[in-house]
């Protein structure tokens, strides 16, 4: 088949990255690439990204796009590094502008930090089309987990970000700024409307019970087996379940470094006068010490 999809699993963050290839034109796209980050050492590394680079070079491919399904809060994107090494356009949903505005305040970023998405090459919206070789991605907005969440669809394959996980893990949390459980339910229905045979590619698999990694399911399987949606759950009941679950969840352990990079296309925070890069961690609960 001319269209090929190759998966890569970043075990440290349970992230699935994909390279989508038109074998005829040799053009490809990378979806949701991760960067290695050791939190205790506060050090970054490109080992996982180099797997992607090696695959592209070994197969003599041309990287056309680096596609983000959303601004991730659980891993740092390697989009900026990959673009430096291979070229390609970094794309994300236009909702990133609102996320940038929110976290500019949260992290007290520099006054000149631009919140119009200029760090990305393309800001995408519902109905946009991205040609790749003899194929094309169609873009569908699927907000709820985050305001900028997108699904990329190509030849009956949908890359759905964190909207849904494998059926035994349910659906995405909606308690981040701009998240909305009702919107997520509506986005899931849009994905279901793609048709039962549509292949759904996961952005994460947390391997509940220690099972083997899984990255591919179908609309039909999600409808019938997803623990949050099976049995034709209505929006009201879904929202109640989702919000109750979200109230029990801790922040992702990498939320602060991840967002500081991912709202600017995977680039690290600017270096100081000595050439050193720092992440900011806001502290809550200070009022109890006063």
Protein backbone atom coordinates (compact mmCIF):
# COMPACT_ATOMS: atom_id res chain seq x y z
CA UNK A 1 0.00 0.00 0.00
CA UNK A 2 1.30 3.45 -0.88
CA UNK A 3 0.31 4.93 2.50
CA UNK A 4 2.31 3.57 5.42
CA UNK A 5 1.98 4.36 9.13
CA UNK A 6 4.87 3.57 11.45
CA UNK A 7 4.42 3.81 15.20
CA UNK A 8 7.05 4.59 17.86
CA UNK A 9 6.49 4.24 21.61
CA UNK A 10 8.09 6.65 24.09
CA UNK A 11 7.91 4.48 27.19
CA UNK A 12 8.94 7.19 29.66
CA UNK A 13 5.78 9.23 28.92
CA UNK A 14 3.62 6.44 27.41
CA UNK A 15 3.45 8.55 24.25
CA UNK A 16 2.82 7.17 20.78
CA UNK A 17 4.44 9.01 17.90
CA UNK A 18 3.66 8.24 14.27
CA UNK A 19 5.38 8.74 10.96
CA UNK A 20 2.87 8.77 8.09
CA UNK A 21 4.51 8.07 4.72
CA UNK A 22 3.49 8.28 1.10
CA UNK A 23 5.81 5.61 -0.26
CA UNK A 24 5.50 6.92 -3.83
CA UNK A 25 6.42 10.58 -3.28
CA UNK A 26 8.56 9.77 -0.19
CA UNK A 27 6.93 12.65 1.69
CA UNK A 28 6.08 12.07 5.34
CA UNK A 29 4.62 13.67 8.45
CA UNK A 30 5.46 13.13 12.10
CA UNK A 31 2.58 13.23 14.57
CA UNK A 32 3.12 14.05 18.28
CA UNK A 33 6.90 13.57 18.66
CA UNK A 34 8.36 13.40 22.18
CA UNK A 35 11.62 14.66 23.67
CA UNK A 36 13.40 12.79 26.46
CA UNK A 37 13.42 14.63 29.78
CA UNK A 38 14.90 13.46 33.07
CA UNK A 39 13.00 15.38 35.71
CA UNK A 40 15.34 14.62 38.61
CA UNK A 41 18.43 15.63 36.63
CA UNK A 42 16.50 18.40 34.83
CA UNK A 43 18.13 17.35 31.59
CA UNK A 44 16.82 16.87 28.06
CA UNK A 45 17.98 14.33 25.49
CA UNK A 46 17.20 13.57 21.86
CA UNK A 47 17.53 9.76 21.88
CA UNK A 48 13.87 9.11 21.05
CA UNK A 49 13.77 11.88 18.45
CA UNK A 50 16.82 10.38 16.80
CA UNK A 51 14.88 7.16 16.25
CA UNK A 52 12.48 9.20 14.13
CA UNK A 53 15.32 10.93 12.31
CA UNK A 54 17.02 7.63 11.58
CA UNK A 55 13.81 6.13 10.21
CA UNK A 56 13.31 9.09 7.89
CA UNK A 57 16.91 9.11 6.72
CA UNK A 58 17.12 5.32 6.32
CA UNK A 59 14.02 5.36 4.13
CA UNK A 60 15.12 8.47 2.21
CA UNK A 61 11.99 10.40 3.18
CA UNK A 62 11.27 14.12 3.10
CA UNK A 63 9.63 15.53 6.23
CA UNK A 64 6.81 17.86 5.23
CA UNK A 65 4.90 18.33 8.49
CA UNK A 66 5.32 17.95 12.23
CA UNK A 67 1.74 17.72 13.46
CA UNK A 68 0.74 18.34 17.06
CA UNK A 69 -2.70 17.13 18.10
CA UNK A 70 -2.62 19.64 20.97
CA UNK A 71 -0.30 21.36 23.45
CA UNK A 72 0.65 18.34 25.55
CA UNK A 73 0.89 18.58 29.33
CA UNK A 74 2.56 15.22 29.94
CA UNK A 75 5.61 15.22 27.69
CA UNK A 76 7.86 17.73 25.97
CA UNK A 77 7.52 17.88 22.21
CA UNK A 78 10.61 17.37 20.06
CA UNK A 79 9.04 19.35 17.20
CA UNK A 80 11.52 22.22 17.43
CA UNK A 81 14.52 19.88 17.43
CA UNK A 82 13.15 17.82 14.55
CA UNK A 83 12.55 20.91 12.45
CA UNK A 84 16.14 21.99 13.05
CA UNK A 85 17.38 18.58 11.88
CA UNK A 86 14.98 17.78 9.05
CA UNK A 87 12.93 20.83 8.15
CA UNK A 88 9.15 20.59 7.83
CA UNK A 89 6.33 22.78 9.09
CA UNK A 90 5.17 22.59 12.71
CA UNK A 91 1.35 22.67 12.85
CA UNK A 92 -1.14 22.90 15.70
CA UNK A 93 -4.73 24.01 16.28
CA UNK A 94 -5.51 27.72 16.26
CA UNK A 95 -6.78 27.36 19.83
CA UNK A 96 -3.14 27.44 20.92
CA UNK A 97 -3.41 31.22 21.12
CA UNK A 98 -5.77 31.03 24.08
CA UNK A 99 -3.54 28.47 25.77
CA UNK A 100 -0.52 30.72 25.29
CA UNK A 101 -2.37 33.63 26.89
CA UNK A 102 -3.35 31.49 29.89
CA UNK A 103 0.09 30.08 30.55
CA UNK A 104 1.91 33.32 29.87
CA UNK A 105 0.20 34.45 33.06
CA UNK A 106 0.66 31.15 34.93
CA UNK A 107 4.39 31.10 34.28
CA UNK A 108 4.87 34.87 34.38
CA UNK A 109 6.58 34.76 31.00
CA UNK A 110 8.34 37.74 29.47
CA UNK A 111 6.08 40.61 28.49
CA UNK A 112 7.15 40.21 24.87
CA UNK A 113 6.16 36.52 24.71
CA UNK A 114 3.92 36.43 21.65
CA UNK A 115 0.51 34.81 22.21
CA UNK A 116 -0.63 34.79 18.58
CA UNK A 117 0.86 31.39 17.75
CA UNK A 118 3.73 32.78 15.68
CA UNK A 119 6.08 30.10 17.05
CA UNK A 120 4.26 27.59 14.81
CA UNK A 121 4.34 27.46 11.01
CA UNK A 122 0.62 26.78 10.59
CA UNK A 123 -2.35 27.28 12.91
CA UNK A 124 -5.07 24.91 11.77
CA UNK A 125 -8.84 25.00 12.00
CA UNK A 126 -11.76 22.74 11.18
CA UNK A 127 -11.87 21.79 7.50
CA UNK A 128 -8.26 22.63 6.66
CA UNK A 129 -6.43 20.27 4.32
CA UNK A 130 -2.73 19.38 4.35
CA UNK A 131 -1.51 17.71 1.13
CA UNK A 132 1.18 15.06 1.53
CA UNK A 133 2.37 13.36 -1.65
CA UNK A 134 -0.64 11.78 -3.33
CA UNK A 135 -2.74 11.96 -0.16
CA UNK A 136 -4.01 14.65 2.17
CA UNK A 137 -4.79 15.10 5.83
CA UNK A 138 -8.14 16.65 6.66
CA UNK A 139 -8.28 18.56 9.92
CA UNK A 140 -11.13 18.25 12.42
CA UNK A 141 -11.34 20.31 15.59
CA UNK A 142 -12.00 18.06 18.58
CA UNK A 143 -11.79 20.30 21.68
CA UNK A 144 -12.65 19.29 25.22
CA UNK A 145 -9.41 17.89 26.59
CA UNK A 146 -7.81 21.17 25.50
CA UNK A 147 -9.18 24.07 23.42
CA UNK A 148 -6.65 23.45 20.63
CA UNK A 149 -7.21 19.70 20.20
CA UNK A 150 -7.28 18.42 16.62
CA UNK A 151 -7.86 15.12 14.85
CA UNK A 152 -5.91 14.45 11.66
CA UNK A 153 -7.68 12.16 9.16
CA UNK A 154 -6.09 10.45 6.19
CA UNK A 155 -7.44 7.52 4.12
CA UNK A 156 -9.70 6.12 6.85
CA UNK A 157 -7.12 6.66 9.59
CA UNK A 158 -7.67 9.21 12.37
CA UNK A 159 -5.00 10.44 14.77
CA UNK A 160 -7.09 11.60 17.68
CA UNK A 161 -4.63 12.89 20.26
CA UNK A 162 -5.87 12.49 23.84
CA UNK A 163 -9.57 12.60 22.99
CA UNK A 164 -9.87 8.85 23.59
CA UNK A 165 -7.52 6.19 24.89
CA UNK A 166 -7.75 2.45 24.27
CA UNK A 167 -11.21 1.22 25.37
CA UNK A 168 -9.92 -0.16 28.70
CA UNK A 169 -8.60 3.30 29.64
CA UNK A 170 -11.58 5.47 28.67
CA UNK A 171 -11.26 9.10 27.63
CA UNK A 172 -9.21 12.21 28.29
CA UNK A 173 -9.38 14.42 31.35
CA UNK A 174 -11.00 17.83 30.93
CA UNK A 175 -9.80 19.77 33.99
CA UNK A 176 -6.99 21.74 32.38
CA UNK A 177 -7.61 25.46 31.64
CA UNK A 178 -10.10 25.63 28.78
CA UNK A 179 -11.08 21.97 29.14
CA UNK A 180 -14.76 21.07 28.92
CA UNK A 181 -16.29 17.62 29.39
CA UNK A 182 -19.41 18.47 27.37
CA UNK A 183 -17.24 19.65 24.48
CA UNK A 184 -15.18 16.46 24.71
CA UNK A 185 -18.34 14.34 24.50
CA UNK A 186 -19.39 16.27 21.38
CA UNK A 187 -15.93 15.82 19.86
CA UNK A 188 -16.07 12.10 20.51
CA UNK A 189 -19.39 11.96 18.67
CA UNK A 190 -17.72 13.70 15.71
CA UNK A 191 -15.05 11.01 15.73
CA UNK A 192 -17.70 8.28 15.92
CA UNK A 193 -19.44 9.84 12.92
CA UNK A 194 -16.36 9.07 10.80
CA UNK A 195 -17.70 5.51 10.54
CA UNK A 196 -17.30 2.20 12.36
CA UNK A 197 -14.39 1.03 10.23
CA UNK A 198 -12.27 4.15 10.80
CA UNK A 199 -8.91 3.32 12.37
CA UNK A 200 -8.20 5.36 15.50
CA UNK A 201 -4.58 5.91 16.48
CA UNK A 202 -3.86 6.68 20.12
CA UNK A 203 -1.51 9.38 21.40
CA UNK A 204 -0.94 7.49 24.67
CA UNK A 205 -1.32 4.00 26.04
CA UNK A 206 -0.90 3.57 29.78
CA UNK A 207 -1.02 -0.25 29.60
CA UNK A 208 -3.52 -0.88 32.43
CA UNK A 209 -2.80 -4.06 34.33
CA UNK A 210 0.60 -4.24 32.68
CA UNK A 211 -0.77 -5.46 29.35
CA UNK A 212 1.22 -5.12 26.15
CA UNK A 213 1.26 -1.81 24.33
CA UNK A 214 -1.71 -1.10 22.07
CA UNK A 215 -2.00 1.87 19.77
CA UNK A 216 -4.75 1.09 17.26
CA UNK A 217 -8.48 0.61 17.67
CA UNK A 218 -11.61 1.41 15.64
CA UNK A 219 -14.70 3.54 16.02
CA UNK A 220 -16.78 0.37 16.37
CA UNK A 221 -14.57 -0.99 19.12
CA UNK A 222 -14.67 2.31 21.00
CA UNK A 223 -18.47 2.51 20.77
CA UNK A 224 -18.88 -1.03 22.08
CA UNK A 225 -16.11 -1.31 24.64
CA UNK A 226 -14.87 2.07 25.88
CA UNK A 227 -15.38 2.10 29.64
CA UNK A 228 -16.67 5.70 29.59
CA UNK A 229 -18.88 5.47 26.52
CA UNK A 230 -20.26 1.99 25.92
CA UNK A 231 -24.00 1.52 26.10
CA UNK A 232 -24.85 4.78 24.32
CA UNK A 233 -24.02 6.96 27.31
CA UNK A 234 -25.69 10.37 26.98
CA UNK A 235 -23.88 13.67 27.34
CA UNK A 236 -25.22 14.46 30.81
CA UNK A 237 -24.12 11.14 32.27
CA UNK A 238 -20.77 11.27 30.53
CA UNK A 239 -20.05 14.76 31.88
CA UNK A 240 -20.95 13.67 35.41
CA UNK A 241 -18.63 10.65 35.20
CA UNK A 242 -15.81 12.60 33.60
CA UNK A 243 -15.93 15.50 36.05
CA UNK A 244 -16.09 13.16 39.05
CA UNK A 245 -13.06 11.29 37.75
CA UNK A 246 -11.15 14.51 37.02
CA UNK A 247 -11.67 15.70 40.59
CA UNK A 248 -9.53 12.78 41.80
CA UNK A 249 -6.60 13.30 39.42
CA UNK A 250 -3.25 14.85 40.26
CA UNK A 251 -1.42 17.05 37.78
CA UNK A 252 0.69 15.20 35.21
CA UNK A 253 4.21 15.06 36.64
CA UNK A 254 5.70 16.93 33.67
CA UNK A 255 2.96 19.53 33.24
CA UNK A 256 5.13 22.57 34.05
CA UNK A 257 8.16 21.85 31.86
CA UNK A 258 5.98 20.40 29.12
CA UNK A 259 3.74 23.41 28.71
CA UNK A 260 6.58 25.91 28.87
CA UNK A 261 8.05 24.19 25.80
CA UNK A 262 4.95 23.03 23.99
CA UNK A 263 3.22 26.41 23.81
CA UNK A 264 6.21 27.54 21.76
CA UNK A 265 6.47 24.59 19.35
CA UNK A 266 8.77 22.52 21.56
CA UNK A 267 11.43 25.20 21.98
CA UNK A 268 13.08 25.50 25.38
CA UNK A 269 12.64 28.65 27.49
CA UNK A 270 15.07 31.35 26.42
CA UNK A 271 18.58 31.19 27.85
CA UNK A 272 19.80 33.71 30.40
CA UNK A 273 22.92 35.85 30.05
CA UNK A 274 25.10 32.83 30.92
CA UNK A 275 23.42 30.66 28.27
CA UNK A 276 21.50 28.56 30.79
CA UNK A 277 17.87 27.49 30.36
CA UNK A 278 15.45 27.26 33.29
CA UNK A 279 11.93 25.96 33.83
CA UNK A 280 9.59 27.86 36.14
CA UNK A 281 7.46 26.06 38.73
CA UNK A 282 4.64 28.13 40.26
CA UNK A 283 4.14 27.45 43.96
CA UNK A 284 0.67 27.20 45.48
CA UNK A 285 -0.32 27.21 49.16
CA UNK A 286 2.00 30.07 50.05
CA UNK A 287 -0.85 31.78 51.92
CA UNK A 288 -0.70 29.05 54.57
CA UNK A 289 2.85 30.10 55.45
CA UNK A 290 2.07 33.75 56.00
